Amino acid sequence: MKYLHQPMLLLLATLMLLPAAQANDEIVVYSARKEHLIKPLFDAYTQKSGVKIRYITDKAGPLLARLKAEGANTPADLLITVDAGNLWQAAEQGVLSPIDPQILSANVPEHLRAPDNSWF
C-alpha cells in the first residue's frame, strides 16, 4: 500500500508547487489516466487547498498533439501520463517545461526524472 501512496503524495506536492496553486487559481491538468482513477485525488486536493483542478483526460497521443498545437499558449499546468514512453515522446516533441521544485528533487531519485527536471 505504501507504494501506491508515495506517487500520490508526489503528485500532490507537484500540484502545490504550480504557480496557479500558489496564486490560488485553477490548475489545468492534462491526464492520460482514467478519470475515475484520478478524480478522487483531485477532489481531495481541492478540498484541502481550495484550488480547483480542471482536468482534461484523453489518450496520450491526442494529449501530446493538443499540447504541441497549443504551444506556449497552452492552458495546461501539468501533464500526467501512464508510462515513461509517453514522457519521452513529450520531451522529444518539446512540449515540457523544466521546473525546479525542491520538494520533488529531494524525494524523487535522479533515475526517475529528466536531467533538466522537465519530467518526474
C-alpha atoms as a PDB file:
ATOM      1  CA  MET A   1       0.000   0.000   0.000  1.00  0.00           C
ATOM      2  CA  LYS A   2       2.895   2.366   0.728  1.00  0.00           C
ATOM      3  CA  TYR A   3       3.962   2.023  -2.924  1.00  0.00           C
ATOM      4  CA  LEU A   4       0.640   3.442  -4.081  1.00  0.00           C
ATOM      5  CA  HIS A   5       0.632   6.342  -1.626  1.00  0.00           C
ATOM      6  CA  GLN A   6       4.106   7.640  -2.458  1.00  0.00           C
ATOM      7  CA  PRO A   7       3.322   8.574  -6.101  1.00  0.00           C
ATOM      8  CA  MET A   8       0.066  10.185  -4.964  1.00  0.00           C
ATOM      9  CA  LEU A   9       1.913  12.298  -2.401  1.00  0.00           C
ATOM     10  CA  LEU A  10       4.429  13.356  -5.032  1.00  0.00           C
ATOM     11  CA  LEU A  11       1.593  14.328  -7.356  1.00  0.00           C
ATOM     12  CA  LEU A  12       0.003  16.400  -4.606  1.00  0.00           C
ATOM     13  CA  ALA A  13       3.361  18.030  -3.900  1.00  0.00           C
ATOM     14  CA  THR A  14       3.700  18.844  -7.595  1.00  0.00           C
ATOM     15  CA  LEU A  15       0.243  20.389  -7.671  1.00  0.00           C
ATOM     16  CA  MET A  16       1.103  22.601  -4.707  1.00  0.00           C
ATOM     17  CA  LEU A  17       4.233  23.891  -6.444  1.00  0.00           C
ATOM     18  CA  LEU A  18       2.493  25.021  -9.606  1.00  0.00           C
ATOM     19  CA  PRO A  19       2.212  28.802  -9.986  1.00  0.00           C
ATOM     20  CA  ALA A  20      -1.566  28.540 -10.324  1.00  0.00           C
ATOM     21  CA  ALA A  21      -1.792  26.754  -6.983  1.00  0.00           C
ATOM     22  CA  GLN A  22       0.383  29.358  -5.323  1.00  0.00           C
ATOM     23  CA  ALA A  23      -1.827  32.114  -6.742  1.00  0.00           C
ATOM     24  CA  ASN A  24      -4.982  30.283  -5.548  1.00  0.00           C
ATOM     25  CA  ASP A  25      -6.216  29.978  -9.119  1.00  0.00           C
ATOM     26  CA  GLU A  26      -7.336  26.970 -11.068  1.00  0.00           C
ATOM     27  CA  ILE A  27      -4.853  24.261 -12.067  1.00  0.00           C
ATOM     28  CA  VAL A  28      -5.303  22.742 -15.514  1.00  0.00           C
ATOM     29  CA  VAL A  29      -4.192  19.119 -15.788  1.00  0.00           C
ATOM     30  CA  TYR A  30      -3.972  17.069 -18.966  1.00  0.00           C
ATOM     31  CA  SER A  31      -4.122  13.436 -17.946  1.00  0.00           C
ATOM     32  CA  ALA A  32      -3.873  10.139 -19.778  1.00  0.00           C
ATOM     33  CA  ARG A  33      -5.126   8.431 -16.620  1.00  0.00           C
ATOM     34  CA  LYS A  34      -8.690   7.212 -16.430  1.00  0.00           C
ATOM     35  CA  GLU A  35     -10.953   9.848 -14.890  1.00  0.00           C
ATOM     36  CA  HIS A  36     -12.400   7.539 -12.245  1.00  0.00           C
ATOM     37  CA  LEU A  37      -8.874   6.766 -11.011  1.00  0.00           C
ATOM     38  CA  ILE A  38      -7.566  10.334 -10.811  1.00  0.00           C
ATOM     39  CA  LYS A  39     -10.700  12.291  -9.857  1.00  0.00           C
ATOM     40  CA  PRO A  40     -10.673  11.259  -6.167  1.00  0.00           C
ATOM     41  CA  LEU A  41      -7.129  12.593  -5.827  1.00  0.00           C
ATOM     42  CA  PHE A  42      -8.035  15.888  -7.481  1.00  0.00           C
ATOM     43  CA  ASP A  43     -11.174  16.212  -5.353  1.00  0.00           C
ATOM     44  CA  ALA A  44      -9.129  15.637  -2.188  1.00  0.00           C
ATOM     45  CA  TYR A  45      -6.592  18.246  -3.282  1.00  0.00           C
ATOM     46  CA  THR A  46      -9.327  20.796  -3.999  1.00  0.00           C
ATOM     47  CA  GLN A  47     -10.980  20.111  -0.658  1.00  0.00           C
ATOM     48  CA  LYS A  48      -7.694  20.530   1.215  1.00  0.00           C
ATOM     49  CA  SER A  49      -6.279  23.510  -0.695  1.00  0.00           C
ATOM     50  CA  GLY A  50      -9.327  25.282  -2.093  1.00  0.00           C
ATOM     51  CA  VAL A  51      -7.621  25.313  -5.507  1.00  0.00           C
ATOM     52  CA  LYS A  52      -9.859  23.980  -8.261  1.00  0.00           C
ATOM     53  CA  ILE A  53      -8.493  21.467 -10.731  1.00  0.00           C
ATOM     54  CA  ARG A  54      -9.808  21.410 -14.261  1.00  0.00           C
ATOM     55  CA  TYR A  55      -8.667  18.277 -15.976  1.00  0.00           C
ATOM     56  CA  ILE A  56      -8.828  17.015 -19.495  1.00  0.00           C
ATOM     57  CA  THR A  57      -8.497  13.264 -19.951  1.00  0.00           C
ATOM     58  CA  ASP A  58      -7.629  11.516 -23.186  1.00  0.00           C
ATOM     59  CA  LYS A  59      -5.150   9.032 -24.551  1.00  0.00           C
ATOM     60  CA  ALA A  60      -1.524  10.164 -24.525  1.00  0.00           C
ATOM     61  CA  GLY A  61      -1.282  10.676 -28.297  1.00  0.00           C
ATOM     62  CA  PRO A  62      -4.151  13.168 -28.558  1.00  0.00           C
ATOM     63  CA  LEU A  63      -2.980  14.991 -25.417  1.00  0.00           C
ATOM     64  CA  LEU A  64       0.534  15.387 -26.825  1.00  0.00           C
ATOM     65  CA  ALA A  65      -0.869  16.581 -30.152  1.00  0.00           C
ATOM     66  CA  ARG A  66      -3.025  19.093 -28.294  1.00  0.00           C
ATOM     67  CA  LEU A  67      -0.061  20.376 -26.280  1.00  0.00           C
ATOM     68  CA  LYS A  68       2.019  20.722 -29.419  1.00  0.00           C
ATOM     69  CA  ALA A  69      -0.763  22.597 -31.236  1.00  0.00           C
ATOM     70  CA  GLU A  70      -1.334  24.932 -28.280  1.00  0.00           C
ATOM     71  CA  GLY A  71       2.373  25.641 -27.896  1.00  0.00           C
ATOM     72  CA  ALA A  72       3.216  28.425 -25.450  1.00  0.00           C
ATOM     73  CA  ASN A  73      -0.487  29.289 -25.212  1.00  0.00           C
ATOM     74  CA  THR A  74      -1.499  26.000 -23.611  1.00  0.00           C
ATOM     75  CA  PRO A  75      -3.633  26.344 -20.504  1.00  0.00           C
ATOM     76  CA  ALA A  76      -2.111  23.105 -19.154  1.00  0.00           C
ATOM     77  CA  ASP A  77      -0.106  23.381 -15.951  1.00  0.00           C
ATOM     78  CA  LEU A  78       0.612  19.672 -15.604  1.00  0.00           C
ATOM     79  CA  LEU A  79       0.724  16.595 -17.858  1.00  0.00           C
ATOM     80  CA  ILE A  80       0.178  13.181 -16.307  1.00  0.00           C
ATOM     81  CA  THR A  81       0.996  10.201 -18.491  1.00  0.00           C
ATOM     82  CA  VAL A  82       0.662   6.487 -17.895  1.00  0.00           C
ATOM     83  CA  ASP A  83       4.238   5.476 -18.680  1.00  0.00           C
ATOM     84  CA  ALA A  84       7.788   6.677 -19.272  1.00  0.00           C
ATOM     85  CA  GLY A  85       7.491   6.158 -23.035  1.00  0.00           C
ATOM     86  CA  ASN A  86       4.889   8.910 -23.235  1.00  0.00           C
ATOM     87  CA  LEU A  87       7.080  11.193 -21.125  1.00  0.00           C
ATOM     88  CA  TRP A  88       9.941  10.569 -23.535  1.00  0.00           C
ATOM     89  CA  GLN A  89       7.700  11.418 -26.501  1.00  0.00           C
ATOM     90  CA  ALA A  90       6.516  14.602 -24.795  1.00  0.00           C
ATOM     91  CA  ALA A  91      10.120  15.634 -24.150  1.00  0.00           C
ATOM     92  CA  GLU A  92      11.104  14.820 -27.743  1.00  0.00           C
ATOM     93  CA  GLN A  93       8.214  16.924 -29.052  1.00  0.00           C
ATOM     94  CA  GLY A  94       9.299  19.847 -26.884  1.00  0.00           C
ATOM     95  CA  VAL A  95       6.023  20.230 -25.000  1.00  0.00           C
ATOM     96  CA  LEU A  96       7.512  20.040 -21.491  1.00  0.00           C
ATOM     97  CA  SER A  97       8.999  22.867 -19.449  1.00  0.00           C
ATOM     98  CA  PRO A  98      11.602  22.292 -16.734  1.00  0.00           C
ATOM     99  CA  ILE A  99      10.656  23.012 -13.152  1.00  0.00           C
ATOM    100  CA  ASP A 100      12.825  23.459 -10.076  1.00  0.00           C
ATOM    101  CA  PRO A 101      10.833  22.227  -7.124  1.00  0.00           C
ATOM    102  CA  GLN A 102      12.981  21.411  -4.134  1.00  0.00           C
ATOM    103  CA  ILE A 103      10.440  19.016  -2.659  1.00  0.00           C
ATOM    104  CA  LEU A 104      10.382  16.821  -5.776  1.00  0.00           C
ATOM    105  CA  SER A 105      14.148  16.922  -6.234  1.00  0.00           C
ATOM    106  CA  ALA A 106      14.584  15.870  -2.623  1.00  0.00           C
ATOM    107  CA  ASN A 107      12.121  12.976  -2.890  1.00  0.00           C
ATOM    108  CA  VAL A 108      12.406  11.637  -6.439  1.00  0.00           C
ATOM    109  CA  PRO A 109      15.605   9.703  -7.235  1.00  0.00           C
ATOM    110  CA  GLU A 110      17.631  11.039 -10.169  1.00  0.00           C
ATOM    111  CA  HIS A 111      16.934   7.964 -12.304  1.00  0.00           C
ATOM    112  CA  LEU A 112      13.187   8.733 -12.104  1.00  0.00           C
ATOM    113  CA  ARG A 113      13.438  12.263 -13.512  1.00  0.00           C
ATOM    114  CA  ALA A 114      14.820  14.039 -16.550  1.00  0.00           C
ATOM    115  CA  PRO A 115      18.294  15.579 -16.189  1.00  0.00           C
ATOM    116  CA  ASP A 116      16.763  19.019 -16.869  1.00  0.00           C
ATOM    117  CA  ASN A 117      13.803  18.422 -14.482  1.00  0.00           C
ATOM    118  CA  SER A 118      11.291  18.624 -17.334  1.00  0.00           C
ATOM    119  CA  TRP A 119       9.602  15.464 -16.037  1.00  0.00           C
ATOM    120  CA  PHE A 120       9.425  13.472 -12.814  1.00  0.00           C
END
